[in-house]
Amino acid sequence: MAAEIVPDSQHRGLVARLPPGLRGLAMLARFDRPIGWWLLFWPGAWGVALAGGAVSHRQLIGWLLVGSIAMRGAGCVYNDIVDRDLDAQVARTAARPIPSGLVSVRVAWGWLVALCLVGLMVLVQLTPFAASVAVASLAPVAAYPFMKRVTWWPQAWLGIVFSWGALVGWSEVAGGFSAGTALLYAGAIAWVVGYDTIYALQDREDDALIGVRSSALRMGRHVRAGVALCYALALILWAAAVWQVRGDPLALAALLPVAAHFAWQVASLDRAGTRALTLFRSNRFAGLLVFLACVVVGTVV
C-alpha cells in the first residue's frame, strides 16, 4: 500500500523545473495533479452535452475546462489554508507547501485571489442565469474543508461541490433546469462519493489517529460494497436522466461502457486499498465515457 500513496512533495515535468517559489504555488494549486480538474470539469461537460449543446456550445466546454483548472486550484489553496494544521500531521500531506513552509499563508491568500480572478473571467462568458448558478456554488465550496470535522460523509459534500458544473452547463444551454438536470446532478454526487471513498482509503490510518472522518472509515470492511452501491446509484440516476431526454431503451445502452468500467473498479478494489490511487485516477476515463454517452443521447436525432 505504501508504494501506492504518493506524497504531495513529489513533482515531475514542468513543475519540477520551476524556481522554488513558483513551484510552491503550482503545487499549492495542484497543477502537477491534473486528475482533480478533470473530475471537476466532466460534470459541466455532461450538462452541456445532455442538454443538446455539445456542438452548438463547444466553446463553452472549453471555457468550463479553463474554469475547472482555475477553480480547482483555488479550492485546493483554500483547503490547504484551512487544513494546514491537520496536513502537518498526515504523512501524505505533511510536505504540502504551507505546512512545509515553502509558501506562507499570506502568499497563499494572494494566490487564491489570483485564481479566483481567472474564474471570474470564465464567469462573465455565461448568461446571467448560468452565472448566478455558478456563484451559488461558493457557499458549499467554502464549507467543504470543515465537513471532515463534523460528519463521516465529507465525500457527499464534495459531491455537491464537484458536481455543480452539471447545473451550470445545463442551465447555460437550456436556460433553466428540468428533471433531467436534477437526475444528472444527483448521479454525479453518487459518483463522487464512490471515487473519493476509494481515494480516502490511502489516509484511513492517519485520519483515524487525528480524528478526521471519512466515508472510507465509516464503511470499514464493507468499503467495496459501499463503492459498488454508490456507482450503481450513479448509473440508475444517469439512466433516468437519459430517459428524460430521450425515452428510448436504446439510449440507455450509451451508459454500458461506463457501467463496465465501474464493474472493473469494484472488482479491482480491496479493503487495504493497495490500488486506491490507480482506481481513483481511472475516473478521468469514466468521466469521458459518461460525456460520450451524453453527446450521443443529447445530439443524435
C-alpha atoms as a PDB file:
ATOM      1  CA  MET A   1       0.000   0.000   0.000  1.00  0.00           C
ATOM      2  CA  ALA A   2       2.859   2.386   0.773  1.00  0.00           C
ATOM      3  CA  ALA A   3       4.026   2.368  -2.822  1.00  0.00           C
ATOM      4  CA  GLU A   4       0.569   3.447  -3.934  1.00  0.00           C
ATOM      5  CA  ILE A   5       0.426   6.521  -1.676  1.00  0.00           C
ATOM      6  CA  VAL A   6       2.071   9.426  -3.498  1.00  0.00           C
ATOM      7  CA  PRO A   7       3.096  12.223  -1.109  1.00  0.00           C
ATOM      8  CA  ASP A   8       2.339  15.772  -2.179  1.00  0.00           C
ATOM      9  CA  SER A   9       6.040  16.609  -2.045  1.00  0.00           C
ATOM     10  CA  GLN A  10       6.614  14.720  -5.300  1.00  0.00           C
ATOM     11  CA  HIS A  11       6.577  16.727  -8.519  1.00  0.00           C
ATOM     12  CA  ARG A  12       7.655  15.964 -12.064  1.00  0.00           C
ATOM     13  CA  GLY A  13       7.730  17.513 -15.526  1.00  0.00           C
ATOM     14  CA  LEU A  14       7.390  21.269 -15.922  1.00  0.00           C
ATOM     15  CA  VAL A  15       6.549  21.849 -12.246  1.00  0.00           C
ATOM     16  CA  ALA A  16       9.847  20.242 -11.183  1.00  0.00           C
ATOM     17  CA  ARG A  17      11.763  22.753 -13.350  1.00  0.00           C
ATOM     18  CA  LEU A  18      10.178  25.855 -11.790  1.00  0.00           C
ATOM     19  CA  PRO A  19      12.031  28.025  -9.236  1.00  0.00           C
ATOM     20  CA  PRO A  20      11.124  27.082  -5.642  1.00  0.00           C
ATOM     21  CA  GLY A  21       8.673  29.968  -5.148  1.00  0.00           C
ATOM     22  CA  LEU A  22       6.717  29.304  -8.335  1.00  0.00           C
ATOM     23  CA  ARG A  23       6.942  25.569  -7.761  1.00  0.00           C
ATOM     24  CA  GLY A  24       5.309  26.042  -4.375  1.00  0.00           C
ATOM     25  CA  LEU A  25       2.412  27.981  -5.933  1.00  0.00           C
ATOM     26  CA  ALA A  26       1.965  25.378  -8.675  1.00  0.00           C
ATOM     27  CA  MET A  27       1.925  22.570  -6.127  1.00  0.00           C
ATOM     28  CA  LEU A  28      -0.470  24.514  -3.894  1.00  0.00           C
ATOM     29  CA  ALA A  29      -2.946  24.695  -6.802  1.00  0.00           C
ATOM     30  CA  ARG A  30      -2.166  21.038  -7.691  1.00  0.00           C
ATOM     31  CA  PHE A  31      -1.149  21.924 -11.246  1.00  0.00           C
ATOM     32  CA  ASP A  32       1.073  18.843 -11.079  1.00  0.00           C
ATOM     33  CA  ARG A  33      -2.017  16.671 -10.416  1.00  0.00           C
ATOM     34  CA  PRO A  34      -4.488  17.227 -13.278  1.00  0.00           C
ATOM     35  CA  ILE A  35      -6.851  14.454 -12.157  1.00  0.00           C
ATOM     36  CA  GLY A  36      -8.607  16.932  -9.858  1.00  0.00           C
ATOM     37  CA  TRP A  37      -9.592  19.410 -12.526  1.00  0.00           C
ATOM     38  CA  TRP A  38     -10.637  16.640 -14.879  1.00  0.00           C
ATOM     39  CA  LEU A  39     -13.041  15.353 -12.226  1.00  0.00           C
ATOM     40  CA  LEU A  40     -14.368  18.881 -11.660  1.00  0.00           C
ATOM     41  CA  PHE A  41     -14.700  19.513 -15.398  1.00  0.00           C
ATOM     42  CA  TRP A  42     -16.590  16.415 -16.522  1.00  0.00           C
ATOM     43  CA  PRO A  43     -19.987  17.098 -14.871  1.00  0.00           C
ATOM     44  CA  GLY A  44     -20.091  20.525 -16.540  1.00  0.00           C
ATOM     45  CA  ALA A  45     -19.338  18.956 -19.909  1.00  0.00           C
ATOM     46  CA  TRP A  46     -22.055  16.353 -19.268  1.00  0.00           C
ATOM     47  CA  GLY A  47     -24.601  19.070 -18.579  1.00  0.00           C
ATOM     48  CA  VAL A  48     -23.762  20.856 -21.828  1.00  0.00           C
ATOM     49  CA  ALA A  49     -23.864  17.650 -23.879  1.00  0.00           C
ATOM     50  CA  LEU A  50     -27.024  16.106 -22.414  1.00  0.00           C
ATOM     51  CA  ALA A  51     -28.853  19.424 -22.805  1.00  0.00           C
ATOM     52  CA  GLY A  52     -28.027  19.225 -26.525  1.00  0.00           C
ATOM     53  CA  GLY A  53     -25.167  21.722 -26.701  1.00  0.00           C
ATOM     54  CA  ALA A  54     -22.135  19.534 -27.450  1.00  0.00           C
ATOM     55  CA  VAL A  55     -21.817  21.083 -30.933  1.00  0.00           C
ATOM     56  CA  SER A  56     -23.551  24.443 -30.634  1.00  0.00           C
ATOM     57  CA  HIS A  57     -21.825  25.278 -27.341  1.00  0.00           C
ATOM     58  CA  ARG A  58     -18.445  23.647 -27.883  1.00  0.00           C
ATOM     59  CA  GLN A  59     -16.704  26.935 -26.979  1.00  0.00           C
ATOM     60  CA  LEU A  60     -18.495  26.810 -23.639  1.00  0.00           C
ATOM     61  CA  ILE A  61     -16.958  23.401 -22.966  1.00  0.00           C
ATOM     62  CA  GLY A  62     -13.539  24.986 -23.444  1.00  0.00           C
ATOM     63  CA  TRP A  63     -14.365  27.781 -21.008  1.00  0.00           C
ATOM     64  CA  LEU A  64     -15.601  25.234 -18.477  1.00  0.00           C
ATOM     65  CA  LEU A  65     -12.262  23.454 -18.743  1.00  0.00           C
ATOM     66  CA  VAL A  66     -10.371  26.702 -18.064  1.00  0.00           C
ATOM     67  CA  GLY A  67     -12.683  27.454 -15.162  1.00  0.00           C
ATOM     68  CA  SER A  68     -12.236  23.967 -13.746  1.00  0.00           C
ATOM     69  CA  ILE A  69      -8.444  24.293 -13.739  1.00  0.00           C
ATOM     70  CA  ALA A  70      -8.561  27.712 -12.056  1.00  0.00           C
ATOM     71  CA  MET A  71     -11.293  26.974  -9.532  1.00  0.00           C
ATOM     72  CA  ARG A  72      -9.993  23.536  -8.610  1.00  0.00           C
ATOM     73  CA  GLY A  73      -6.674  25.272  -7.950  1.00  0.00           C
ATOM     74  CA  ALA A  74      -8.415  27.943  -5.882  1.00  0.00           C
ATOM     75  CA  GLY A  75     -10.288  25.269  -3.930  1.00  0.00           C
ATOM     76  CA  CYS A  76      -7.062  23.412  -3.176  1.00  0.00           C
ATOM     77  CA  VAL A  77      -5.375  26.604  -1.977  1.00  0.00           C
ATOM     78  CA  TYR A  78      -8.319  27.427   0.294  1.00  0.00           C
ATOM     79  CA  ASN A  79      -8.460  23.858   1.585  1.00  0.00           C
ATOM     80  CA  ASP A  80      -4.740  23.902   2.378  1.00  0.00           C
ATOM     81  CA  ILE A  81      -5.029  27.218   4.221  1.00  0.00           C
ATOM     82  CA  VAL A  82      -7.841  25.847   6.377  1.00  0.00           C
ATOM     83  CA  ASP A  83      -6.268  22.396   6.839  1.00  0.00           C
ATOM     84  CA  ARG A  84      -2.652  23.434   7.350  1.00  0.00           C
ATOM     85  CA  ASP A  85      -2.520  22.111  10.924  1.00  0.00           C
ATOM     86  CA  LEU A  86      -4.171  18.797  10.018  1.00  0.00           C
ATOM     87  CA  ASP A  87      -1.969  18.398   6.936  1.00  0.00           C
ATOM     88  CA  ALA A  88       1.133  18.657   9.100  1.00  0.00           C
ATOM     89  CA  GLN A  89       0.001  15.524  10.976  1.00  0.00           C
ATOM     90  CA  VAL A  90      -0.634  13.289   7.932  1.00  0.00           C
ATOM     91  CA  ALA A  91       2.267  11.564   6.176  1.00  0.00           C
ATOM     92  CA  ARG A  92       0.897  12.128   2.656  1.00  0.00           C
ATOM     93  CA  THR A  93       0.237  15.852   3.179  1.00  0.00           C
ATOM     94  CA  ALA A  94       2.935  16.958   5.636  1.00  0.00           C
ATOM     95  CA  ALA A  95       5.181  18.215   2.818  1.00  0.00           C
ATOM     96  CA  ARG A  96       2.494  20.369   1.180  1.00  0.00           C
ATOM     97  CA  PRO A  97       3.714  23.933   0.517  1.00  0.00           C
ATOM     98  CA  ILE A  98       2.055  25.588   3.542  1.00  0.00           C
ATOM     99  CA  PRO A  99       2.836  23.105   6.364  1.00  0.00           C
ATOM    100  CA  SER A 100       6.355  22.638   4.959  1.00  0.00           C
ATOM    101  CA  GLY A 101       6.956  26.405   4.953  1.00  0.00           C
ATOM    102  CA  LEU A 102       7.554  26.654   1.196  1.00  0.00           C
ATOM    103  CA  VAL A 103       4.608  29.081   0.833  1.00  0.00           C
ATOM    104  CA  SER A 104       3.402  31.442   3.555  1.00  0.00           C
ATOM    105  CA  VAL A 105      -0.281  31.753   4.435  1.00  0.00           C
ATOM    106  CA  ARG A 106      -0.249  35.385   3.287  1.00  0.00           C
ATOM    107  CA  VAL A 107       1.128  34.471  -0.145  1.00  0.00           C
ATOM    108  CA  ALA A 108      -1.392  31.631  -0.359  1.00  0.00           C
ATOM    109  CA  TRP A 109      -4.282  34.062   0.149  1.00  0.00           C
ATOM    110  CA  GLY A 110      -2.912  36.261  -2.647  1.00  0.00           C
ATOM    111  CA  TRP A 111      -2.615  33.239  -4.947  1.00  0.00           C
ATOM    112  CA  LEU A 112      -6.195  32.296  -4.106  1.00  0.00           C
ATOM    113  CA  VAL A 113      -7.422  35.734  -5.192  1.00  0.00           C
ATOM    114  CA  ALA A 114      -5.477  35.497  -8.466  1.00  0.00           C
ATOM    115  CA  LEU A 115      -7.012  32.121  -9.319  1.00  0.00           C
ATOM    116  CA  CYS A 116     -10.481  33.416  -8.488  1.00  0.00           C
ATOM    117  CA  LEU A 117      -9.938  36.282 -10.946  1.00  0.00           C
ATOM    118  CA  VAL A 118      -9.370  33.687 -13.682  1.00  0.00           C
ATOM    119  CA  GLY A 119     -12.627  32.074 -12.601  1.00  0.00           C
ATOM    120  CA  LEU A 120     -14.309  35.482 -12.858  1.00  0.00           C
ATOM    121  CA  MET A 121     -13.106  35.754 -16.449  1.00  0.00           C
ATOM    122  CA  VAL A 122     -14.925  32.497 -17.200  1.00  0.00           C
ATOM    123  CA  LEU A 123     -17.995  33.629 -15.263  1.00  0.00           C
ATOM    124  CA  VAL A 124     -18.550  36.666 -17.484  1.00  0.00           C
ATOM    125  CA  GLN A 125     -18.804  34.366 -20.517  1.00  0.00           C
ATOM    126  CA  LEU A 126     -22.048  32.898 -19.127  1.00  0.00           C
ATOM    127  CA  THR A 127     -25.608  34.115 -19.320  1.00  0.00           C
ATOM    128  CA  PRO A 128     -26.822  35.910 -16.163  1.00  0.00           C
ATOM    129  CA  PHE A 129     -28.841  32.869 -15.044  1.00  0.00           C
ATOM    130  CA  ALA A 130     -25.995  30.377 -15.503  1.00  0.00           C
ATOM    131  CA  ALA A 131     -23.587  32.834 -13.870  1.00  0.00           C
ATOM    132  CA  SER A 132     -25.859  33.104 -10.832  1.00  0.00           C
ATOM    133  CA  VAL A 133     -25.953  29.302 -10.625  1.00  0.00           C
ATOM    134  CA  ALA A 134     -22.149  29.233 -10.696  1.00  0.00           C
ATOM    135  CA  VAL A 135     -21.846  31.902  -7.985  1.00  0.00           C
ATOM    136  CA  ALA A 136     -24.243  29.935  -5.764  1.00  0.00           C
ATOM    137  CA  SER A 137     -21.591  27.188  -5.538  1.00  0.00           C
ATOM    138  CA  LEU A 138     -19.299  29.403  -3.456  1.00  0.00           C
ATOM    139  CA  ALA A 139     -21.137  28.696  -0.189  1.00  0.00           C
ATOM    140  CA  PRO A 140     -20.775  24.883  -0.311  1.00  0.00           C
ATOM    141  CA  VAL A 141     -17.194  25.294  -1.567  1.00  0.00           C
ATOM    142  CA  ALA A 142     -16.327  27.464   1.443  1.00  0.00           C
ATOM    143  CA  ALA A 143     -17.898  24.958   3.842  1.00  0.00           C
ATOM    144  CA  TYR A 144     -16.252  21.835   2.414  1.00  0.00           C
ATOM    145  CA  PRO A 145     -12.910  21.876   4.321  1.00  0.00           C
ATOM    146  CA  PHE A 146     -14.808  21.824   7.623  1.00  0.00           C
ATOM    147  CA  MET A 147     -17.016  18.841   6.773  1.00  0.00           C
ATOM    148  CA  LYS A 148     -14.414  16.223   7.702  1.00  0.00           C
ATOM    149  CA  ARG A 149     -14.579  17.600  11.245  1.00  0.00           C
ATOM    150  CA  VAL A 150     -18.356  17.271  11.650  1.00  0.00           C
ATOM    151  CA  THR A 151     -19.555  14.353   9.506  1.00  0.00           C
ATOM    152  CA  TRP A 152     -18.477  10.865   8.494  1.00  0.00           C
ATOM    153  CA  TRP A 153     -19.526  11.743   4.944  1.00  0.00           C
ATOM    154  CA  PRO A 154     -17.403  14.691   3.750  1.00  0.00           C
ATOM    155  CA  GLN A 155     -17.314  12.880   0.402  1.00  0.00           C
ATOM    156  CA  ALA A 156     -21.031  13.628  -0.006  1.00  0.00           C
ATOM    157  CA  TRP A 157     -20.358  17.340   0.461  1.00  0.00           C
ATOM    158  CA  LEU A 158     -17.502  17.102  -2.030  1.00  0.00           C
ATOM    159  CA  GLY A 159     -20.028  15.544  -4.415  1.00  0.00           C
ATOM    160  CA  ILE A 160     -22.294  18.581  -4.036  1.00  0.00           C
ATOM    161  CA  VAL A 161     -19.350  20.838  -4.880  1.00  0.00           C
ATOM    162  CA  PHE A 162     -17.641  18.830  -7.628  1.00  0.00           C
ATOM    163  CA  SER A 163     -20.919  18.060  -9.423  1.00  0.00           C
ATOM    164  CA  TRP A 164     -22.079  21.677  -9.554  1.00  0.00           C
ATOM    165  CA  GLY A 165     -20.797  22.119 -13.094  1.00  0.00           C
ATOM    166  CA  ALA A 166     -23.646  19.917 -14.333  1.00  0.00           C
ATOM    167  CA  LEU A 167     -26.091  22.601 -13.188  1.00  0.00           C
ATOM    168  CA  VAL A 168     -24.023  25.373 -14.774  1.00  0.00           C
ATOM    169  CA  GLY A 169     -23.527  23.619 -18.122  1.00  0.00           C
ATOM    170  CA  TRP A 170     -27.171  22.573 -18.453  1.00  0.00           C
ATOM    171  CA  SER A 171     -28.564  25.987 -17.467  1.00  0.00           C
ATOM    172  CA  GLU A 172     -26.288  27.772 -19.924  1.00  0.00           C
ATOM    173  CA  VAL A 173     -27.556  25.652 -22.820  1.00  0.00           C
ATOM    174  CA  ALA A 174     -31.215  25.211 -21.836  1.00  0.00           C
ATOM    175  CA  GLY A 175     -31.779  28.462 -19.973  1.00  0.00           C
ATOM    176  CA  GLY A 176     -33.191  26.629 -16.965  1.00  0.00           C
ATOM    177  CA  PHE A 177     -33.470  23.323 -15.138  1.00  0.00           C
ATOM    178  CA  SER A 178     -35.521  20.178 -15.680  1.00  0.00           C
ATOM    179  CA  ALA A 179     -35.949  16.768 -14.094  1.00  0.00           C
ATOM    180  CA  GLY A 180     -33.061  15.589 -16.258  1.00  0.00           C
ATOM    181  CA  THR A 181     -30.810  18.245 -14.711  1.00  0.00           C
ATOM    182  CA  ALA A 182     -31.565  17.101 -11.177  1.00  0.00           C
ATOM    183  CA  LEU A 183     -31.039  13.438 -12.042  1.00  0.00           C
ATOM    184  CA  LEU A 184     -27.732  14.097 -13.805  1.00  0.00           C
ATOM    185  CA  TYR A 185     -26.536  16.164 -10.836  1.00  0.00           C
ATOM    186  CA  ALA A 186     -27.634  13.592  -8.250  1.00  0.00           C
ATOM    187  CA  GLY A 187     -25.907  10.814 -10.201  1.00  0.00           C
ATOM    188  CA  ALA A 188     -22.712  12.859 -10.293  1.00  0.00           C
ATOM    189  CA  ILE A 189     -22.836  13.246  -6.499  1.00  0.00           C
ATOM    190  CA  ALA A 190     -23.094   9.464  -6.059  1.00  0.00           C
ATOM    191  CA  TRP A 191     -20.158   9.028  -8.447  1.00  0.00           C
ATOM    192  CA  VAL A 192     -18.029  11.478  -6.454  1.00  0.00           C
ATOM    193  CA  VAL A 193     -18.813   9.712  -3.168  1.00  0.00           C
ATOM    194  CA  GLY A 194     -17.717   6.449  -4.775  1.00  0.00           C
ATOM    195  CA  TYR A 195     -14.410   7.600  -6.222  1.00  0.00           C
ATOM    196  CA  ASP A 196     -13.470   9.810  -3.266  1.00  0.00           C
ATOM    197  CA  THR A 197     -14.109   6.926  -0.874  1.00  0.00           C
ATOM    198  CA  ILE A 198     -11.523   4.993  -2.893  1.00  0.00           C
ATOM    199  CA  TYR A 199      -9.140   7.946  -2.600  1.00  0.00           C
ATOM    200  CA  ALA A 200      -9.731   8.210   1.167  1.00  0.00           C
ATOM    201  CA  LEU A 201      -8.534   4.616   1.647  1.00  0.00           C
ATOM    202  CA  GLN A 202      -4.983   5.982   1.449  1.00  0.00           C
ATOM    203  CA  ASP A 203      -5.409   8.077   4.590  1.00  0.00           C
ATOM    204  CA  ARG A 204      -7.512   5.807   6.802  1.00  0.00           C
ATOM    205  CA  GLU A 205      -4.824   5.126   9.407  1.00  0.00           C
ATOM    206  CA  ASP A 206      -3.743   8.760   9.738  1.00  0.00           C
ATOM    207  CA  ASP A 207      -7.332  10.013   9.665  1.00  0.00           C
ATOM    208  CA  ALA A 208      -8.297   7.663  12.497  1.00  0.00           C
ATOM    209  CA  LEU A 209      -5.331   8.823  14.605  1.00  0.00           C
ATOM    210  CA  ILE A 210      -6.045  12.555  14.284  1.00  0.00           C
ATOM    211  CA  GLY A 211      -9.833  12.302  14.411  1.00  0.00           C
ATOM    212  CA  VAL A 212     -10.649  13.163  10.799  1.00  0.00           C
ATOM    213  CA  ARG A 213     -13.799  11.481   9.479  1.00  0.00           C
ATOM    214  CA  SER A 214     -14.352   9.928   6.053  1.00  0.00           C
ATOM    215  CA  SER A 215     -16.677   7.558   4.228  1.00  0.00           C
ATOM    216  CA  ALA A 216     -13.783   5.081   3.917  1.00  0.00           C
ATOM    217  CA  LEU A 217     -13.582   4.865   7.702  1.00  0.00           C
ATOM    218  CA  ARG A 218     -17.355   4.720   8.078  1.00  0.00           C
ATOM    219  CA  MET A 219     -17.747   1.883   5.574  1.00  0.00           C
ATOM    220  CA  GLY A 220     -14.967  -0.097   7.244  1.00  0.00           C
ATOM    221  CA  ARG A 221     -14.741  -3.643   5.923  1.00  0.00           C
ATOM    222  CA  HIS A 222     -17.753  -3.017   3.668  1.00  0.00           C
ATOM    223  CA  VAL A 223     -15.931  -0.425   1.558  1.00  0.00           C
ATOM    224  CA  ARG A 224     -16.127  -2.448  -1.664  1.00  0.00           C
ATOM    225  CA  ALA A 225     -19.888  -2.932  -1.281  1.00  0.00           C
ATOM    226  CA  GLY A 226     -20.255   0.740  -0.397  1.00  0.00           C
ATOM    227  CA  VAL A 227     -18.405   1.907  -3.503  1.00  0.00           C
ATOM    228  CA  ALA A 228     -20.404  -0.547  -5.636  1.00  0.00           C
ATOM    229  CA  LEU A 229     -23.629   0.875  -4.217  1.00  0.00           C
ATOM    230  CA  CYS A 230     -22.531   4.440  -4.989  1.00  0.00           C
ATOM    231  CA  TYR A 231     -21.653   3.545  -8.570  1.00  0.00           C
ATOM    232  CA  ALA A 232     -24.896   1.592  -9.053  1.00  0.00           C
ATOM    233  CA  LEU A 233     -26.894   4.576  -7.778  1.00  0.00           C
ATOM    234  CA  ALA A 234     -24.995   6.881 -10.134  1.00  0.00           C
ATOM    235  CA  LEU A 235     -25.825   4.661 -13.104  1.00  0.00           C
ATOM    236  CA  ILE A 236     -29.525   4.437 -12.149  1.00  0.00           C
ATOM    237  CA  LEU A 237     -29.809   8.210 -11.802  1.00  0.00           C
ATOM    238  CA  TRP A 238     -27.947   8.828 -15.073  1.00  0.00           C
ATOM    239  CA  ALA A 239     -30.165   6.313 -16.842  1.00  0.00           C
ATOM    240  CA  ALA A 240     -33.204   8.208 -15.544  1.00  0.00           C
ATOM    241  CA  ALA A 241     -31.685  11.476 -16.796  1.00  0.00           C
ATOM    242  CA  VAL A 242     -31.072   9.922 -20.214  1.00  0.00           C
ATOM    243  CA  TRP A 243     -34.660   8.689 -20.270  1.00  0.00           C
ATOM    244  CA  GLN A 244     -35.903  12.220 -19.581  1.00  0.00           C
ATOM    245  CA  VAL A 245     -34.022  13.471 -22.628  1.00  0.00           C
ATOM    246  CA  ARG A 246     -34.649  10.515 -24.935  1.00  0.00           C
ATOM    247  CA  GLY A 247     -37.209   7.923 -23.867  1.00  0.00           C
ATOM    248  CA  ASP A 248     -35.741   5.114 -25.910  1.00  0.00           C
ATOM    249  CA  PRO A 249     -34.337   1.882 -24.426  1.00  0.00           C
ATOM    250  CA  LEU A 250     -31.504   2.020 -26.951  1.00  0.00           C
ATOM    251  CA  ALA A 251     -30.397   5.358 -25.491  1.00  0.00           C
ATOM    252  CA  LEU A 252     -29.679   3.626 -22.201  1.00  0.00           C
ATOM    253  CA  ALA A 253     -27.106   1.450 -23.983  1.00  0.00           C
ATOM    254  CA  ALA A 254     -24.876   4.523 -24.150  1.00  0.00           C
ATOM    255  CA  LEU A 255     -24.135   4.000 -20.449  1.00  0.00           C
ATOM    256  CA  LEU A 256     -22.957   0.399 -20.837  1.00  0.00           C
ATOM    257  CA  PRO A 257     -19.255   1.295 -21.307  1.00  0.00           C
ATOM    258  CA  VAL A 258     -19.134   3.285 -18.067  1.00  0.00           C
ATOM    259  CA  ALA A 259     -21.058   0.517 -16.290  1.00  0.00           C
ATOM    260  CA  ALA A 260     -18.376  -1.944 -17.385  1.00  0.00           C
ATOM    261  CA  HIS A 261     -15.655   0.439 -16.209  1.00  0.00           C
ATOM    262  CA  PHE A 262     -17.286   0.786 -12.785  1.00  0.00           C
ATOM    263  CA  ALA A 263     -17.543  -3.011 -12.535  1.00  0.00           C
ATOM    264  CA  TRP A 264     -13.794  -3.246 -13.200  1.00  0.00           C
ATOM    265  CA  GLN A 265     -13.067  -0.668 -10.486  1.00  0.00           C
ATOM    266  CA  VAL A 266     -15.148  -2.500  -7.887  1.00  0.00           C
ATOM    267  CA  ALA A 267     -13.668  -5.891  -8.817  1.00  0.00           C
ATOM    268  CA  SER A 268     -10.144  -4.453  -8.514  1.00  0.00           C
ATOM    269  CA  LEU A 269     -10.746  -2.787  -5.150  1.00  0.00           C
ATOM    270  CA  ASP A 270      -9.566  -4.422  -1.947  1.00  0.00           C
ATOM    271  CA  ARG A 271     -10.149  -3.330   1.622  1.00  0.00           C
ATOM    272  CA  ALA A 272      -6.483  -2.454   2.142  1.00  0.00           C
ATOM    273  CA  GLY A 273      -6.610  -0.011  -0.762  1.00  0.00           C
ATOM    274  CA  THR A 274      -3.463  -1.320  -2.461  1.00  0.00           C
ATOM    275  CA  ARG A 275      -4.640   0.068  -5.835  1.00  0.00           C
ATOM    276  CA  ALA A 276      -6.583   3.025  -4.476  1.00  0.00           C
ATOM    277  CA  LEU A 277      -4.695   5.749  -6.328  1.00  0.00           C
ATOM    278  CA  THR A 278      -4.791   3.927  -9.673  1.00  0.00           C
ATOM    279  CA  LEU A 279      -8.516   3.233  -9.387  1.00  0.00           C
ATOM    280  CA  PHE A 280      -9.243   6.792  -8.278  1.00  0.00           C
ATOM    281  CA  ARG A 281      -7.348   8.249 -11.231  1.00  0.00           C
ATOM    282  CA  SER A 282      -9.170   5.943 -13.642  1.00  0.00           C
ATOM    283  CA  ASN A 283     -12.293   8.028 -13.049  1.00  0.00           C
ATOM    284  CA  ARG A 284     -10.918  10.555 -15.501  1.00  0.00           C
ATOM    285  CA  PHE A 285     -11.668   7.925 -18.150  1.00  0.00           C
ATOM    286  CA  ALA A 286     -15.039   7.158 -16.543  1.00  0.00           C
ATOM    287  CA  GLY A 287     -15.929  10.845 -16.900  1.00  0.00           C
ATOM    288  CA  LEU A 288     -15.034  10.710 -20.585  1.00  0.00           C
ATOM    289  CA  LEU A 289     -17.273   7.677 -21.089  1.00  0.00           C
ATOM    290  CA  VAL A 290     -20.215   9.471 -19.475  1.00  0.00           C
ATOM    291  CA  PHE A 291     -19.527  12.528 -21.632  1.00  0.00           C
ATOM    292  CA  LEU A 292     -19.590  10.445 -24.808  1.00  0.00           C
ATOM    293  CA  ALA A 293     -22.885   8.909 -23.681  1.00  0.00           C
ATOM    294  CA  CYS A 294     -24.314  12.390 -23.107  1.00  0.00           C
ATOM    295  CA  VAL A 295     -23.118  13.530 -26.544  1.00  0.00           C
ATOM    296  CA  VAL A 296     -24.812  10.563 -28.204  1.00  0.00           C
ATOM    297  CA  VAL A 297     -28.081  10.986 -26.318  1.00  0.00           C
ATOM    298  CA  GLY A 298     -28.158  14.782 -26.500  1.00  0.00           C
ATOM    299  CA  THR A 299     -27.265  15.281 -30.170  1.00  0.00           C
ATOM    300  CA  VAL A 300     -28.275  12.193 -32.158  1.00  0.00           C
ATOM    301  CA  VAL A 301     -31.723  12.640 -33.686  1.00  0.00           C
END
